[in-house]
Amino acid sequence: EQVLDITFLDRYPGLALYEMRYRNTGTTPLAIAGWRVATH
């Protein structure tokens, strides 16, 4: 499960905060090697 919170701030037009979390909703351990966020 991926949950992404994106917050726009009134005093910072053009900027958004990204708060990302991943939850293992399966039944086996998940071996994670890395991640990326806000990549464009």
PDB file of all heavy atoms in Angstrom:
ATOM      1  N   GLU A   1       0.852  -1.186   0.000  1.00  0.00           N
ATOM      2  CA  GLU A   1       0.000   0.000   0.000  1.00  0.00           C
ATOM      3  C   GLU A   1       0.889   1.239   0.000  1.00  0.00           C
ATOM      4  O   GLU A   1       1.837   1.346   0.775  1.00  0.00           O
ATOM      5  CB  GLU A   1      -0.898   0.023   1.230  1.00  0.00           C
ATOM      6  CG  GLU A   1      -1.802   1.253   1.274  1.00  0.00           C
ATOM      7  CD  GLU A   1      -2.558   1.365   2.594  1.00  0.00           C
ATOM      8  OE1 GLU A   1      -1.887   1.486   3.644  1.00  0.00           O
ATOM      9  OE2 GLU A   1      -3.795   1.321   2.569  1.00  0.00           O
ATOM     10  N   GLN A   2       0.576   2.149  -0.902  1.00  0.00           N
ATOM     11  CA  GLN A   2       1.277   3.427  -0.981  1.00  0.00           C
ATOM     12  C   GLN A   2       0.327   4.537  -0.528  1.00  0.00           C
ATOM     13  O   GLN A   2      -0.787   4.642  -1.039  1.00  0.00           O
ATOM     14  CB  GLN A   2       1.731   3.694  -2.420  1.00  0.00           C
ATOM     15  CG  GLN A   2       2.467   5.007  -2.621  1.00  0.00           C
ATOM     16  CD  GLN A   2       2.659   5.323  -4.098  1.00  0.00           C
ATOM     17  OE1 GLN A   2       1.716   5.741  -4.778  1.00  0.00           O
ATOM     18  NE2 GLN A   2       3.867   5.106  -4.600  1.00  0.00           N
ATOM     19  N   VAL A   3       0.772   5.333   0.447  1.00  0.00           N
ATOM     20  CA  VAL A   3      -0.016   6.477   0.899  1.00  0.00           C
ATOM     21  C   VAL A   3       0.836   7.726   0.712  1.00  0.00           C
ATOM     22  O   VAL A   3       1.926   7.844   1.286  1.00  0.00           O
ATOM     23  CB  VAL A   3      -0.439   6.341   2.369  1.00  0.00           C
ATOM     24  CG1 VAL A   3      -1.229   7.573   2.807  1.00  0.00           C
ATOM     25  CG2 VAL A   3      -1.274   5.078   2.572  1.00  0.00           C
ATOM     26  N   LEU A   4       0.357   8.635  -0.118  1.00  0.00           N
ATOM     27  CA  LEU A   4       1.087   9.860  -0.435  1.00  0.00           C
ATOM     28  C   LEU A   4       0.263  11.067  -0.007  1.00  0.00           C
ATOM     29  O   LEU A   4      -0.844  11.277  -0.506  1.00  0.00           O
ATOM     30  CB  LEU A   4       1.381   9.917  -1.933  1.00  0.00           C
ATOM     31  CG  LEU A   4       2.020  11.207  -2.462  1.00  0.00           C
ATOM     32  CD1 LEU A   4       3.347  11.491  -1.768  1.00  0.00           C
ATOM     33  CD2 LEU A   4       2.203  11.120  -3.981  1.00  0.00           C
ATOM     34  N   ASP A   5       0.812  11.825   0.933  1.00  0.00           N
ATOM     35  CA  ASP A   5       0.201  13.087   1.342  1.00  0.00           C
ATOM     36  C   ASP A   5       0.924  14.225   0.629  1.00  0.00           C
ATOM     37  O   ASP A   5       2.155  14.354   0.750  1.00  0.00           O
ATOM     38  CB  ASP A   5       0.315  13.293   2.852  1.00  0.00           C
ATOM     39  CG  ASP A   5      -0.588  12.366   3.645  1.00  0.00           C
ATOM     40  OD1 ASP A   5      -1.465  11.730   3.035  1.00  0.00           O
ATOM     41  OD2 ASP A   5      -0.409  12.277   4.874  1.00  0.00           O
ATOM     42  N   ILE A   6       0.175  15.045  -0.103  1.00  0.00           N
ATOM     43  CA  ILE A   6       0.732  16.212  -0.789  1.00  0.00           C
ATOM     44  C   ILE A   6       0.059  17.445  -0.215  1.00  0.00           C
ATOM     45  O   ILE A   6      -1.172  17.566  -0.255  1.00  0.00           O
ATOM     46  CB  ILE A   6       0.518  16.134  -2.307  1.00  0.00           C
ATOM     47  CG1 ILE A   6       1.270  14.932  -2.877  1.00  0.00           C
ATOM     48  CG2 ILE A   6       0.973  17.414  -2.978  1.00  0.00           C
ATOM     49  CD1 ILE A   6       1.130  14.770  -4.375  1.00  0.00           C
ATOM     50  N   THR A   7       0.870  18.350   0.349  1.00  0.00           N
ATOM     51  CA  THR A   7       0.333  19.540   1.006  1.00  0.00           C
ATOM     52  C   THR A   7       0.792  20.793   0.280  1.00  0.00           C
ATOM     53  O   THR A   7       1.995  21.017   0.098  1.00  0.00           O
ATOM     54  CB  THR A   7       0.799  19.607   2.474  1.00  0.00           C
ATOM     55  OG1 THR A   7       0.407  18.406   3.150  1.00  0.00           O
ATOM     56  CG2 THR A   7       0.189  20.809   3.179  1.00  0.00           C
ATOM     57  N   PHE A   8      -0.191  21.593  -0.150  1.00  0.00           N
ATOM     58  CA  PHE A   8       0.079  22.903  -0.737  1.00  0.00           C
ATOM     59  C   PHE A   8      -0.066  23.949   0.368  1.00  0.00           C
ATOM     60  O   PHE A   8      -1.030  23.919   1.133  1.00  0.00           O
ATOM     61  CB  PHE A   8      -0.896  23.201  -1.874  1.00  0.00           C
ATOM     62  CG  PHE A   8      -0.761  22.275  -3.049  1.00  0.00           C
ATOM     63  CD1 PHE A   8      -1.501  21.092  -3.112  1.00  0.00           C
ATOM     64  CD2 PHE A   8       0.100  22.569  -4.094  1.00  0.00           C
ATOM     65  CE1 PHE A   8      -1.385  20.232  -4.191  1.00  0.00           C
ATOM     66  CE2 PHE A   8       0.227  21.712  -5.184  1.00  0.00           C
ATOM     67  CZ  PHE A   8      -0.519  20.541  -5.229  1.00  0.00           C
ATOM     68  N   LEU A   9       0.868  24.862   0.449  1.00  0.00           N
ATOM     69  CA  LEU A   9       0.913  25.857   1.513  1.00  0.00           C
ATOM     70  C   LEU A   9       0.627  27.242   0.952  1.00  0.00           C
ATOM     71  O   LEU A   9       1.232  27.654  -0.038  1.00  0.00           O
ATOM     72  CB  LEU A   9       2.291  25.842   2.188  1.00  0.00           C
ATOM     73  CG  LEU A   9       2.718  24.487   2.760  1.00  0.00           C
ATOM     74  CD1 LEU A   9       4.197  24.493   3.088  1.00  0.00           C
ATOM     75  CD2 LEU A   9       1.886  24.163   3.998  1.00  0.00           C
ATOM     76  N   ASP A  10      -0.282  27.968   1.618  1.00  0.00           N
ATOM     77  CA  ASP A  10      -0.694  29.274   1.107  1.00  0.00           C
ATOM     78  C   ASP A  10       0.471  30.244   0.973  1.00  0.00           C
ATOM     79  O   ASP A  10       0.526  31.038   0.026  1.00  0.00           O
ATOM     80  CB  ASP A  10      -1.751  29.890   2.033  1.00  0.00           C
ATOM     81  CG  ASP A  10      -3.065  29.127   2.013  1.00  0.00           C
ATOM     82  OD1 ASP A  10      -3.168  28.136   1.251  1.00  0.00           O
ATOM     83  OD2 ASP A  10      -3.982  29.496   2.776  1.00  0.00           O
ATOM     84  N   ARG A  11       1.419  30.193   1.920  1.00  0.00           N
ATOM     85  CA  ARG A  11       2.512  31.165   1.887  1.00  0.00           C
ATOM     86  C   ARG A  11       3.657  30.749   0.972  1.00  0.00           C
ATOM     87  O   ARG A  11       4.619  31.494   0.812  1.00  0.00           O
ATOM     88  CB  ARG A  11       3.037  31.433   3.293  1.00  0.00           C
ATOM     89  CG  ARG A  11       3.738  30.274   3.963  1.00  0.00           C
ATOM     90  CD  ARG A  11       4.333  30.669   5.312  1.00  0.00           C
ATOM     91  NE  ARG A  11       3.333  31.040   6.283  1.00  0.00           N
ATOM     92  CZ  ARG A  11       3.458  30.902   7.602  1.00  0.00           C
ATOM     93  NH1 ARG A  11       4.576  30.381   8.100  1.00  0.00           N
ATOM     94  NH2 ARG A  11       2.503  31.278   8.423  1.00  0.00           N
ATOM     95  N   TYR A  12       3.544  29.569   0.345  1.00  0.00           N
ATOM     96  CA  TYR A  12       4.579  29.090  -0.570  1.00  0.00           C
ATOM     97  C   TYR A  12       3.949  28.649  -1.891  1.00  0.00           C
ATOM     98  O   TYR A  12       3.935  27.463  -2.222  1.00  0.00           O
ATOM     99  CB  TYR A  12       5.351  27.924   0.052  1.00  0.00           C
ATOM    100  CG  TYR A  12       6.144  28.298   1.272  1.00  0.00           C
ATOM    101  CD1 TYR A  12       5.656  28.019   2.550  1.00  0.00           C
ATOM    102  CD2 TYR A  12       7.373  28.939   1.158  1.00  0.00           C
ATOM    103  CE1 TYR A  12       6.380  28.368   3.682  1.00  0.00           C
ATOM    104  CE2 TYR A  12       8.102  29.292   2.289  1.00  0.00           C
ATOM    105  CZ  TYR A  12       7.599  28.999   3.544  1.00  0.00           C
ATOM    106  OH  TYR A  12       8.321  29.357   4.658  1.00  0.00           O
ATOM    107  N   PRO A  13       3.413  29.577  -2.677  1.00  0.00           N
ATOM    108  CA  PRO A  13       2.805  29.181  -3.954  1.00  0.00           C
ATOM    109  C   PRO A  13       3.831  28.515  -4.865  1.00  0.00           C
ATOM    110  O   PRO A  13       4.973  28.951  -4.976  1.00  0.00           O
ATOM    111  CB  PRO A  13       2.315  30.513  -4.542  1.00  0.00           C
ATOM    112  CG  PRO A  13       3.074  31.577  -3.817  1.00  0.00           C
ATOM    113  CD  PRO A  13       3.349  31.035  -2.455  1.00  0.00           C
ATOM    114  N   GLY A  14       3.410  27.434  -5.482  1.00  0.00           N
ATOM    115  CA  GLY A  14       4.301  26.696  -6.374  1.00  0.00           C
ATOM    116  C   GLY A  14       5.046  25.566  -5.706  1.00  0.00           C
ATOM    117  O   GLY A  14       5.774  24.829  -6.377  1.00  0.00           O
ATOM    118  N   LEU A  15       4.861  25.388  -4.398  1.00  0.00           N
ATOM    119  CA  LEU A  15       5.603  24.369  -3.654  1.00  0.00           C
ATOM    120  C   LEU A  15       4.636  23.403  -2.979  1.00  0.00           C
ATOM    121  O   LEU A  15       3.613  23.820  -2.432  1.00  0.00           O
ATOM    122  CB  LEU A  15       6.508  25.031  -2.618  1.00  0.00           C
ATOM    123  CG  LEU A  15       7.430  24.127  -1.797  1.00  0.00           C
ATOM    124  CD1 LEU A  15       8.739  24.863  -1.491  1.00  0.00           C
ATOM    125  CD2 LEU A  15       6.784  23.683  -0.495  1.00  0.00           C
ATOM    126  N   ALA A  16       4.996  22.124  -2.998  1.00  0.00           N
ATOM    127  CA  ALA A  16       4.188  21.102  -2.333  1.00  0.00           C
ATOM    128  C   ALA A  16       5.092  20.199  -1.516  1.00  0.00           C
ATOM    129  O   ALA A  16       6.176  19.800  -1.975  1.00  0.00           O
ATOM    130  CB  ALA A  16       3.413  20.275  -3.350  1.00  0.00           C
ATOM    131  N   LEU A  17       4.653  19.882  -0.304  1.00  0.00           N
ATOM    132  CA  LEU A  17       5.358  18.923   0.536  1.00  0.00           C
ATOM    133  C   LEU A  17       4.858  17.513   0.223  1.00  0.00           C
ATOM    134  O   LEU A  17       3.651  17.301   0.066  1.00  0.00           O
ATOM    135  CB  LEU A  17       5.133  19.228   2.018  1.00  0.00           C
ATOM    136  CG  LEU A  17       5.669  20.555   2.538  1.00  0.00           C
ATOM    137  CD1 LEU A  17       5.348  20.711   4.021  1.00  0.00           C
ATOM    138  CD2 LEU A  17       7.168  20.678   2.301  1.00  0.00           C
ATOM    139  N   TYR A  18       5.788  16.563   0.146  1.00  0.00           N
ATOM    140  CA  TYR A  18       5.478  15.163  -0.130  1.00  0.00           C
ATOM    141  C   TYR A  18       5.804  14.333   1.109  1.00  0.00           C
ATOM    142  O   TYR A  18       6.946  14.307   1.561  1.00  0.00           O
ATOM    143  CB  TYR A  18       6.338  14.644  -1.280  1.00  0.00           C
ATOM    144  CG  TYR A  18       5.823  14.903  -2.678  1.00  0.00           C
ATOM    145  CD1 TYR A  18       5.479  16.181  -3.099  1.00  0.00           C
ATOM    146  CD2 TYR A  18       5.708  13.867  -3.594  1.00  0.00           C
ATOM    147  CE1 TYR A  18       5.034  16.425  -4.383  1.00  0.00           C
ATOM    148  CE2 TYR A  18       5.264  14.083  -4.889  1.00  0.00           C
ATOM    149  CZ  TYR A  18       4.929  15.376  -5.275  1.00  0.00           C
ATOM    150  OH  TYR A  18       4.485  15.598  -6.556  1.00  0.00           O
ATOM    151  N   GLU A  19       4.799  13.640   1.638  1.00  0.00           N
ATOM    152  CA  GLU A  19       5.002  12.694   2.736  1.00  0.00           C
ATOM    153  C   GLU A  19       4.545  11.325   2.247  1.00  0.00           C
ATOM    154  O   GLU A  19       3.355  11.104   2.053  1.00  0.00           O
ATOM    155  CB  GLU A  19       4.221  13.134   3.970  1.00  0.00           C
ATOM    156  CG  GLU A  19       4.697  14.470   4.537  1.00  0.00           C
ATOM    157  CD  GLU A  19       3.801  14.985   5.643  1.00  0.00           C
ATOM    158  OE1 GLU A  19       2.751  15.578   5.321  1.00  0.00           O
ATOM    159  OE2 GLU A  19       4.145  14.776   6.828  1.00  0.00           O
ATOM    160  N   MET A  20       5.513  10.434   2.066  1.00  0.00           N
ATOM    161  CA  MET A  20       5.239   9.139   1.454  1.00  0.00           C
ATOM    162  C   MET A  20       5.518   8.013   2.434  1.00  0.00           C
ATOM    163  O   MET A  20       6.527   8.026   3.150  1.00  0.00           O
ATOM    164  CB  MET A  20       6.124   8.964   0.218  1.00  0.00           C
ATOM    165  CG  MET A  20       6.047   7.593  -0.429  1.00  0.00           C
ATOM    166  SD  MET A  20       4.482   7.327  -1.298  1.00  0.00           S
ATOM    167  CE  MET A  20       4.871   8.157  -2.852  1.00  0.00           C
ATOM    168  N   ARG A  21       4.630   7.029   2.451  1.00  0.00           N
ATOM    169  CA  ARG A  21       4.875   5.831   3.234  1.00  0.00           C
ATOM    170  C   ARG A  21       4.342   4.606   2.492  1.00  0.00           C
ATOM    171  O   ARG A  21       3.346   4.691   1.754  1.00  0.00           O
ATOM    172  CB  ARG A  21       4.281   5.930   4.632  1.00  0.00           C
ATOM    173  CG  ARG A  21       2.811   6.262   4.709  1.00  0.00           C
ATOM    174  CD  ARG A  21       2.415   6.654   6.136  1.00  0.00           C
ATOM    175  NE  ARG A  21       1.012   6.981   6.244  1.00  0.00           N
ATOM    176  CZ  ARG A  21       0.502   8.186   5.999  1.00  0.00           C
ATOM    177  NH1 ARG A  21       1.290   9.169   5.610  1.00  0.00           N
ATOM    178  NH2 ARG A  21      -0.797   8.411   6.149  1.00  0.00           N
ATOM    179  N   TYR A  22       5.057   3.508   2.693  1.00  0.00           N
ATOM    180  CA  TYR A  22       4.690   2.231   2.081  1.00  0.00           C
ATOM    181  C   TYR A  22       4.435   1.213   3.189  1.00  0.00           C
ATOM    182  O   TYR A  22       5.247   1.079   4.111  1.00  0.00           O
ATOM    183  CB  TYR A  22       5.811   1.717   1.175  1.00  0.00           C
ATOM    184  CG  TYR A  22       6.011   2.537  -0.079  1.00  0.00           C
ATOM    185  CD1 TYR A  22       6.996   3.522  -0.129  1.00  0.00           C
ATOM    186  CD2 TYR A  22       5.233   2.322  -1.207  1.00  0.00           C
ATOM    187  CE1 TYR A  22       7.195   4.275  -1.276  1.00  0.00           C
ATOM    188  CE2 TYR A  22       5.413   3.063  -2.359  1.00  0.00           C
ATOM    189  CZ  TYR A  22       6.396   4.048  -2.390  1.00  0.00           C
ATOM    190  OH  TYR A  22       6.584   4.790  -3.528  1.00  0.00           O
ATOM    191  N   ARG A  23       3.341   0.476   3.064  1.00  0.00           N
ATOM    192  CA  ARG A  23       3.016  -0.564   4.040  1.00  0.00           C
ATOM    193  C   ARG A  23       2.965  -1.917   3.338  1.00  0.00           C
ATOM    194  O   ARG A  23       2.361  -2.044   2.261  1.00  0.00           O
ATOM    195  CB  ARG A  23       1.677  -0.268   4.717  1.00  0.00           C
ATOM    196  CG  ARG A  23       1.330  -1.259   5.850  1.00  0.00           C
ATOM    197  CD  ARG A  23       0.170  -0.737   6.674  1.00  0.00           C
ATOM    198  NE  ARG A  23      -1.058  -0.652   5.897  1.00  0.00           N
ATOM    199  CZ  ARG A  23      -1.992  -1.612   5.829  1.00  0.00           C
ATOM    200  NH1 ARG A  23      -1.810  -2.749   6.508  1.00  0.00           N
ATOM    201  NH2 ARG A  23      -3.077  -1.450   5.108  1.00  0.00           N
ATOM    202  N   ASN A  24       3.636  -2.870   3.934  1.00  0.00           N
ATOM    203  CA  ASN A  24       3.608  -4.233   3.402  1.00  0.00           C
ATOM    204  C   ASN A  24       2.274  -4.869   3.784  1.00  0.00           C
ATOM    205  O   ASN A  24       2.054  -5.265   4.931  1.00  0.00           O
ATOM    206  CB  ASN A  24       4.780  -5.040   3.971  1.00  0.00           C
ATOM    207  CG  ASN A  24       4.856  -6.441   3.378  1.00  0.00           C
ATOM    208  OD1 ASN A  24       3.961  -6.881   2.669  1.00  0.00           O
ATOM    209  ND2 ASN A  24       5.943  -7.143   3.692  1.00  0.00           N
ATOM    210  N   THR A  25       1.377  -4.975   2.817  1.00  0.00           N
ATOM    211  CA  THR A  25       0.051  -5.555   3.065  1.00  0.00           C
ATOM    212  C   THR A  25      -0.018  -7.010   2.620  1.00  0.00           C
ATOM    213  O   THR A  25      -1.100  -7.609   2.603  1.00  0.00           O
ATOM    214  CB  THR A  25      -1.028  -4.737   2.334  1.00  0.00           C
ATOM    215  OG1 THR A  25      -0.647  -4.581   0.960  1.00  0.00           O
ATOM    216  CG2 THR A  25      -1.195  -3.369   2.967  1.00  0.00           C
ATOM    217  N   GLY A  26       1.137  -7.572   2.246  1.00  0.00           N
ATOM    218  CA  GLY A  26       1.186  -8.972   1.866  1.00  0.00           C
ATOM    219  C   GLY A  26       1.489  -9.868   3.054  1.00  0.00           C
ATOM    220  O   GLY A  26       1.459  -9.435   4.221  1.00  0.00           O
ATOM    221  N   THR A  27       1.818 -11.083   2.777  1.00  0.00           N
ATOM    222  CA  THR A  27       2.071 -12.069   3.834  1.00  0.00           C
ATOM    223  C   THR A  27       3.529 -12.472   3.923  1.00  0.00           C
ATOM    224  O   THR A  27       3.888 -13.324   4.745  1.00  0.00           O
ATOM    225  CB  THR A  27       1.218 -13.326   3.586  1.00  0.00           C
ATOM    226  OG1 THR A  27       1.558 -13.874   2.308  1.00  0.00           O
ATOM    227  CG2 THR A  27      -0.266 -12.989   3.625  1.00  0.00           C
ATOM    228  N   THR A  28       4.369 -11.902   3.089  1.00  0.00           N
ATOM    229  CA  THR A  28       5.796 -12.236   3.097  1.00  0.00           C
ATOM    230  C   THR A  28       6.625 -10.983   3.316  1.00  0.00           C
ATOM    231  O   THR A  28       6.208  -9.871   2.957  1.00  0.00           O
ATOM    232  CB  THR A  28       6.219 -12.880   1.770  1.00  0.00           C
ATOM    233  OG1 THR A  28       6.070 -11.912   0.722  1.00  0.00           O
ATOM    234  CG2 THR A  28       5.391 -14.108   1.466  1.00  0.00           C
ATOM    235  N   PRO A  29       7.816 -11.117   3.904  1.00  0.00           N
ATOM    236  CA  PRO A  29       8.706  -9.957   4.031  1.00  0.00           C
ATOM    237  C   PRO A  29       9.057  -9.408   2.645  1.00  0.00           C
ATOM    238  O   PRO A  29       9.156 -10.155   1.670  1.00  0.00           O
ATOM    239  CB  PRO A  29       9.940 -10.522   4.736  1.00  0.00           C
ATOM    240  CG  PRO A  29       9.469 -11.774   5.394  1.00  0.00           C
ATOM    241  CD  PRO A  29       8.396 -12.332   4.506  1.00  0.00           C
ATOM    242  N   LEU A  30       9.232  -8.130   2.593  1.00  0.00           N
ATOM    243  CA  LEU A  30       9.534  -7.446   1.334  1.00  0.00           C
ATOM    244  C   LEU A  30      10.940  -6.852   1.426  1.00  0.00           C
ATOM    245  O   LEU A  30      11.197  -5.982   2.255  1.00  0.00           O
ATOM    246  CB  LEU A  30       8.498  -6.349   1.078  1.00  0.00           C
ATOM    247  CG  LEU A  30       8.489  -5.701  -0.305  1.00  0.00           C
ATOM    248  CD1 LEU A  30       8.128  -6.722  -1.382  1.00  0.00           C
ATOM    249  CD2 LEU A  30       7.499  -4.536  -0.330  1.00  0.00           C
ATOM    250  N   ALA A  31      11.856  -7.328   0.589  1.00  0.00           N
ATOM    251  CA  ALA A  31      13.236  -6.834   0.585  1.00  0.00           C
ATOM    252  C   ALA A  31      13.327  -5.641  -0.357  1.00  0.00           C
ATOM    253  O   ALA A  31      13.242  -5.791  -1.582  1.00  0.00           O
ATOM    254  CB  ALA A  31      14.194  -7.928   0.158  1.00  0.00           C
ATOM    255  N   ILE A  32      13.485  -4.469   0.228  1.00  0.00           N
ATOM    256  CA  ILE A  32      13.510  -3.221  -0.537  1.00  0.00           C
ATOM    257  C   ILE A  32      14.959  -2.775  -0.713  1.00  0.00           C
ATOM    258  O   ILE A  32      15.727  -2.700   0.246  1.00  0.00           O
ATOM    259  CB  ILE A  32      12.690  -2.137   0.176  1.00  0.00           C
ATOM    260  CG1 ILE A  32      11.221  -2.566   0.265  1.00  0.00           C
ATOM    261  CG2 ILE A  32      12.810  -0.795  -0.545  1.00  0.00           C
ATOM    262  CD1 ILE A  32      10.365  -1.651   1.112  1.00  0.00           C
ATOM    263  N   ALA A  33      15.311  -2.470  -1.956  1.00  0.00           N
ATOM    264  CA  ALA A  33      16.671  -2.009  -2.260  1.00  0.00           C
ATOM    265  C   ALA A  33      16.756  -0.493  -2.346  1.00  0.00           C
ATOM    266  O   ALA A  33      17.840   0.069  -2.197  1.00  0.00           O
ATOM    267  CB  ALA A  33      17.154  -2.619  -3.572  1.00  0.00           C
ATOM    268  N   GLY A  34      15.630   0.178  -2.594  1.00  0.00           N
ATOM    269  CA  GLY A  34      15.664   1.630  -2.703  1.00  0.00           C
ATOM    270  C   GLY A  34      14.315   2.181  -3.104  1.00  0.00           C
ATOM    271  O   GLY A  34      13.324   1.445  -3.221  1.00  0.00           O
ATOM    272  N   TRP A  35      14.285   3.489  -3.354  1.00  0.00           N
ATOM    273  CA  TRP A  35      13.035   4.165  -3.677  1.00  0.00           C
ATOM    274  C   TRP A  35      13.335   5.474  -4.401  1.00  0.00           C
ATOM    275  O   TRP A  35      14.482   5.952  -4.407  1.00  0.00           O
ATOM    276  CB  TRP A  35      12.225   4.457  -2.411  1.00  0.00           C
ATOM    277  CG  TRP A  35      13.035   5.118  -1.313  1.00  0.00           C
ATOM    278  CD1 TRP A  35      13.679   4.498  -0.280  1.00  0.00           C
ATOM    279  CD2 TRP A  35      13.325   6.525  -1.177  1.00  0.00           C
ATOM    280  NE1 TRP A  35      14.342   5.414   0.499  1.00  0.00           N
ATOM    281  CE2 TRP A  35      14.140   6.673  -0.017  1.00  0.00           C
ATOM    282  CE3 TRP A  35      12.982   7.656  -1.889  1.00  0.00           C
ATOM    283  CZ2 TRP A  35      14.605   7.914   0.419  1.00  0.00           C
ATOM    284  CZ3 TRP A  35      13.441   8.900  -1.470  1.00  0.00           C
ATOM    285  CH2 TRP A  35      14.239   9.013  -0.322  1.00  0.00           C
ATOM    286  N   ARG A  36      12.312   6.025  -4.999  1.00  0.00           N
ATOM    287  CA  ARG A  36      12.408   7.387  -5.536  1.00  0.00           C
ATOM    288  C   ARG A  36      11.083   8.093  -5.295  1.00  0.00           C
ATOM    289  O   ARG A  36      10.024   7.452  -5.193  1.00  0.00           O
ATOM    290  CB  ARG A  36      12.765   7.388  -7.024  1.00  0.00           C
ATOM    291  CG  ARG A  36      11.663   6.930  -7.959  1.00  0.00           C
ATOM    292  CD  ARG A  36      11.960   7.266  -9.422  1.00  0.00           C
ATOM    293  NE  ARG A  36      10.877   6.820 -10.283  1.00  0.00           N
ATOM    294  CZ  ARG A  36      10.976   5.856 -11.187  1.00  0.00           C
ATOM    295  NH1 ARG A  36      12.127   5.217 -11.359  1.00  0.00           N
ATOM    296  NH2 ARG A  36       9.924   5.526 -11.932  1.00  0.00           N
ATOM    297  N   VAL A  37      11.138   9.408  -5.219  1.00  0.00           N
ATOM    298  CA  VAL A  37       9.935  10.210  -5.014  1.00  0.00           C
ATOM    299  C   VAL A  37      10.126  11.555  -5.708  1.00  0.00           C
ATOM    300  O   VAL A  37      11.262  12.033  -5.862  1.00  0.00           O
ATOM    301  CB  VAL A  37       9.654  10.390  -3.493  1.00  0.00           C
ATOM    302  CG1 VAL A  37      10.713  11.251  -2.830  1.00  0.00           C
ATOM    303  CG2 VAL A  37       8.267  10.961  -3.243  1.00  0.00           C
ATOM    304  N   ALA A  38       9.022  12.147  -6.156  1.00  0.00           N
ATOM    305  CA  ALA A  38       9.028  13.472  -6.792  1.00  0.00           C
ATOM    306  C   ALA A  38      10.068  13.560  -7.901  1.00  0.00           C
ATOM    307  O   ALA A  38      10.820  14.531  -8.007  1.00  0.00           O
ATOM    308  CB  ALA A  38       9.262  14.560  -5.751  1.00  0.00           C
ATOM    309  N   THR A  39      10.113  12.546  -8.744  1.00  0.00           N
ATOM    310  CA  THR A  39      11.092  12.478  -9.826  1.00  0.00           C
ATOM    311  C   THR A  39      10.398  12.757 -11.161  1.00  0.00           C
ATOM    312  O   THR A  39       9.439  12.064 -11.521  1.00  0.00           O
ATOM    313  CB  THR A  39      11.769  11.102  -9.852  1.00  0.00           C
ATOM    314  OG1 THR A  39      12.439  10.899  -8.602  1.00  0.00           O
ATOM    315  CG2 THR A  39      12.761  10.994 -10.991  1.00  0.00           C
ATOM    316  N   HIS A  40      10.894  13.770 -11.867  1.00  0.00           N
ATOM    317  CA  HIS A  40      10.247  14.199 -13.108  1.00  0.00           C
ATOM    318  C   HIS A  40      11.290  14.657 -14.115  1.00  0.00           C
ATOM    319  O   HIS A  40      12.407  15.033 -13.745  1.00  0.00           O
ATOM    320  CB  HIS A  40       9.268  15.345 -12.837  1.00  0.00           C
ATOM    321  CG  HIS A  40       8.125  14.970 -11.946  1.00  0.00           C
ATOM    322  ND1 HIS A  40       7.007  14.314 -12.403  1.00  0.00           N
ATOM    323  CD2 HIS A  40       7.939  15.151 -10.612  1.00  0.00           C
ATOM    324  CE1 HIS A  40       6.174  14.106 -11.395  1.00  0.00           C
ATOM    325  NE2 HIS A  40       6.713  14.599 -10.292  1.00  0.00           N
TER     326      HIS A  40
END
